[in-house]
């Protein structure tokens, strides 16, 4: 996120201010591609970790005979934003 709250793209600018890819050199394009691929791999890894946690939590709930949470509820718990269900 930028200081103004927008998301930065691979070129360090807000997505609302798209860069003209045709204006970049071949080397700049390769650098951009490498950064975006690295970012995608990091996001993919994080997703796999979260799915593993979800599976472990569900398995433990089943083992205890409890009711499994919905994927949305589990996501809120795992991401630390379970404010809605705090009073349950």
C-alpha atoms as a PDB file:
ATOM      1  CA  UNK A   1       0.000   0.000   0.000  1.00  0.00           C
ATOM      2  CA  UNK A   2       1.125   3.521  -0.693  1.00  0.00           C
ATOM      3  CA  UNK A   3       0.929   6.275   1.908  1.00  0.00           C
ATOM      4  CA  UNK A   4      -2.278   7.423   0.226  1.00  0.00           C
ATOM      5  CA  UNK A   5      -3.822   3.986   0.697  1.00  0.00           C
ATOM      6  CA  UNK A   6      -3.526   2.767  -2.899  1.00  0.00           C
ATOM      7  CA  UNK A   7      -1.883  -0.445  -4.005  1.00  0.00           C
ATOM      8  CA  UNK A   8       1.465  -0.218  -5.717  1.00  0.00           C
ATOM      9  CA  UNK A   9       2.094  -2.152  -8.894  1.00  0.00           C
ATOM     10  CA  UNK A  10       5.348  -3.853  -9.915  1.00  0.00           C
ATOM     11  CA  UNK A  11       6.763  -0.516 -11.060  1.00  0.00           C
ATOM     12  CA  UNK A  12       6.234   1.221  -7.718  1.00  0.00           C
ATOM     13  CA  UNK A  13       3.229   3.290  -8.768  1.00  0.00           C
ATOM     14  CA  UNK A  14      -0.428   3.217  -7.846  1.00  0.00           C
ATOM     15  CA  UNK A  15      -2.486   0.786  -9.954  1.00  0.00           C
ATOM     16  CA  UNK A  16      -4.733   3.690 -10.885  1.00  0.00           C
ATOM     17  CA  UNK A  17      -1.730   5.215 -12.667  1.00  0.00           C
ATOM     18  CA  UNK A  18      -0.869   2.332 -15.003  1.00  0.00           C
ATOM     19  CA  UNK A  19       2.574   2.429 -16.536  1.00  0.00           C
ATOM     20  CA  UNK A  20       2.912   2.129 -20.292  1.00  0.00           C
ATOM     21  CA  UNK A  21       4.666  -1.222 -20.725  1.00  0.00           C
ATOM     22  CA  UNK A  22       5.616  -0.290 -24.268  1.00  0.00           C
ATOM     23  CA  UNK A  23       7.767   2.539 -22.870  1.00  0.00           C
ATOM     24  CA  UNK A  24       9.916   0.192 -20.758  1.00  0.00           C
ATOM     25  CA  UNK A  25      13.173  -1.290 -21.969  1.00  0.00           C
ATOM     26  CA  UNK A  26      13.552  -5.040 -22.300  1.00  0.00           C
ATOM     27  CA  UNK A  27      15.699  -5.080 -19.157  1.00  0.00           C
ATOM     28  CA  UNK A  28      13.058  -3.104 -17.204  1.00  0.00           C
ATOM     29  CA  UNK A  29      10.366  -5.516 -18.396  1.00  0.00           C
ATOM     30  CA  UNK A  30      12.453  -8.501 -17.263  1.00  0.00           C
ATOM     31  CA  UNK A  31      12.986  -6.866 -13.849  1.00  0.00           C
ATOM     32  CA  UNK A  32       9.257  -6.192 -13.518  1.00  0.00           C
ATOM     33  CA  UNK A  33       8.419  -9.742 -14.494  1.00  0.00           C
ATOM     34  CA  UNK A  34      10.865 -11.134 -11.937  1.00  0.00           C
ATOM     35  CA  UNK A  35       9.389  -8.971  -9.145  1.00  0.00           C
ATOM     36  CA  UNK A  36       5.818  -9.934 -10.017  1.00  0.00           C
ATOM     37  CA  UNK A  37       6.690 -13.649 -10.235  1.00  0.00           C
ATOM     38  CA  UNK A  38       8.439 -13.425  -6.840  1.00  0.00           C
ATOM     39  CA  UNK A  39       5.399 -11.703  -5.353  1.00  0.00           C
ATOM     40  CA  UNK A  40       3.050 -14.320  -6.820  1.00  0.00           C
ATOM     41  CA  UNK A  41       5.159 -17.123  -5.347  1.00  0.00           C
ATOM     42  CA  UNK A  42       5.068 -15.472  -1.918  1.00  0.00           C
ATOM     43  CA  UNK A  43       1.289 -15.045  -2.094  1.00  0.00           C
ATOM     44  CA  UNK A  44       0.885 -18.644  -3.255  1.00  0.00           C
ATOM     45  CA  UNK A  45       3.025 -19.905  -0.376  1.00  0.00           C
ATOM     46  CA  UNK A  46       0.997 -17.869   2.130  1.00  0.00           C
ATOM     47  CA  UNK A  47      -2.231 -19.293   0.665  1.00  0.00           C
ATOM     48  CA  UNK A  48      -0.933 -22.866   1.016  1.00  0.00           C
ATOM     49  CA  UNK A  49       0.064 -22.216   4.641  1.00  0.00           C
ATOM     50  CA  UNK A  50      -3.384 -20.823   5.425  1.00  0.00           C
ATOM     51  CA  UNK A  51      -5.100 -23.792   3.768  1.00  0.00           C
ATOM     52  CA  UNK A  52      -2.958 -26.130   5.882  1.00  0.00           C
ATOM     53  CA  UNK A  53      -3.987 -24.288   9.038  1.00  0.00           C
ATOM     54  CA  UNK A  54      -7.625 -24.505   7.977  1.00  0.00           C
ATOM     55  CA  UNK A  55      -7.282 -28.258   7.455  1.00  0.00           C
ATOM     56  CA  UNK A  56      -5.626 -28.726  10.852  1.00  0.00           C
ATOM     57  CA  UNK A  57      -8.283 -26.703  12.667  1.00  0.00           C
ATOM     58  CA  UNK A  58     -11.103 -28.564  10.942  1.00  0.00           C
ATOM     59  CA  UNK A  59      -9.495 -31.908  11.722  1.00  0.00           C
ATOM     60  CA  UNK A  60      -9.145 -30.974  15.386  1.00  0.00           C
ATOM     61  CA  UNK A  61     -12.779 -29.854  15.531  1.00  0.00           C
ATOM     62  CA  UNK A  62     -13.898 -33.136  13.986  1.00  0.00           C
ATOM     63  CA  UNK A  63     -11.683 -35.072  16.403  1.00  0.00           C
ATOM     64  CA  UNK A  64     -13.334 -33.281  19.321  1.00  0.00           C
ATOM     65  CA  UNK A  65     -16.802 -33.856  17.898  1.00  0.00           C
ATOM     66  CA  UNK A  66     -17.332 -30.135  17.510  1.00  0.00           C
ATOM     67  CA  UNK A  67     -18.932 -28.209  14.715  1.00  0.00           C
ATOM     68  CA  UNK A  68     -16.540 -27.077  12.004  1.00  0.00           C
ATOM     69  CA  UNK A  69     -16.456 -23.378  11.158  1.00  0.00           C
ATOM     70  CA  UNK A  70     -17.277 -22.189   7.668  1.00  0.00           C
ATOM     71  CA  UNK A  71     -14.309 -21.253   5.472  1.00  0.00           C
ATOM     72  CA  UNK A  72     -15.214 -17.575   5.916  1.00  0.00           C
ATOM     73  CA  UNK A  73     -15.298 -17.868   9.707  1.00  0.00           C
ATOM     74  CA  UNK A  74     -11.998 -19.745   9.744  1.00  0.00           C
ATOM     75  CA  UNK A  75     -10.410 -17.116   7.515  1.00  0.00           C
ATOM     76  CA  UNK A  76     -11.472 -14.363   9.932  1.00  0.00           C
ATOM     77  CA  UNK A  77     -10.031 -16.284  12.884  1.00  0.00           C
ATOM     78  CA  UNK A  78      -6.767 -17.097  11.113  1.00  0.00           C
ATOM     79  CA  UNK A  79      -6.291 -13.546   9.862  1.00  0.00           C
ATOM     80  CA  UNK A  80      -6.898 -12.175  13.365  1.00  0.00           C
ATOM     81  CA  UNK A  81     -10.029 -10.215  12.531  1.00  0.00           C
ATOM     82  CA  UNK A  82     -12.625 -12.261  14.417  1.00  0.00           C
ATOM     83  CA  UNK A  83     -14.287  -9.255  16.032  1.00  0.00           C
ATOM     84  CA  UNK A  84     -17.822 -10.245  15.000  1.00  0.00           C
ATOM     85  CA  UNK A  85     -17.789 -13.522  16.904  1.00  0.00           C
ATOM     86  CA  UNK A  86     -15.964 -12.261  19.995  1.00  0.00           C
ATOM     87  CA  UNK A  87     -19.128 -12.244  22.093  1.00  0.00           C
ATOM     88  CA  UNK A  88     -20.213 -15.795  21.230  1.00  0.00           C
END
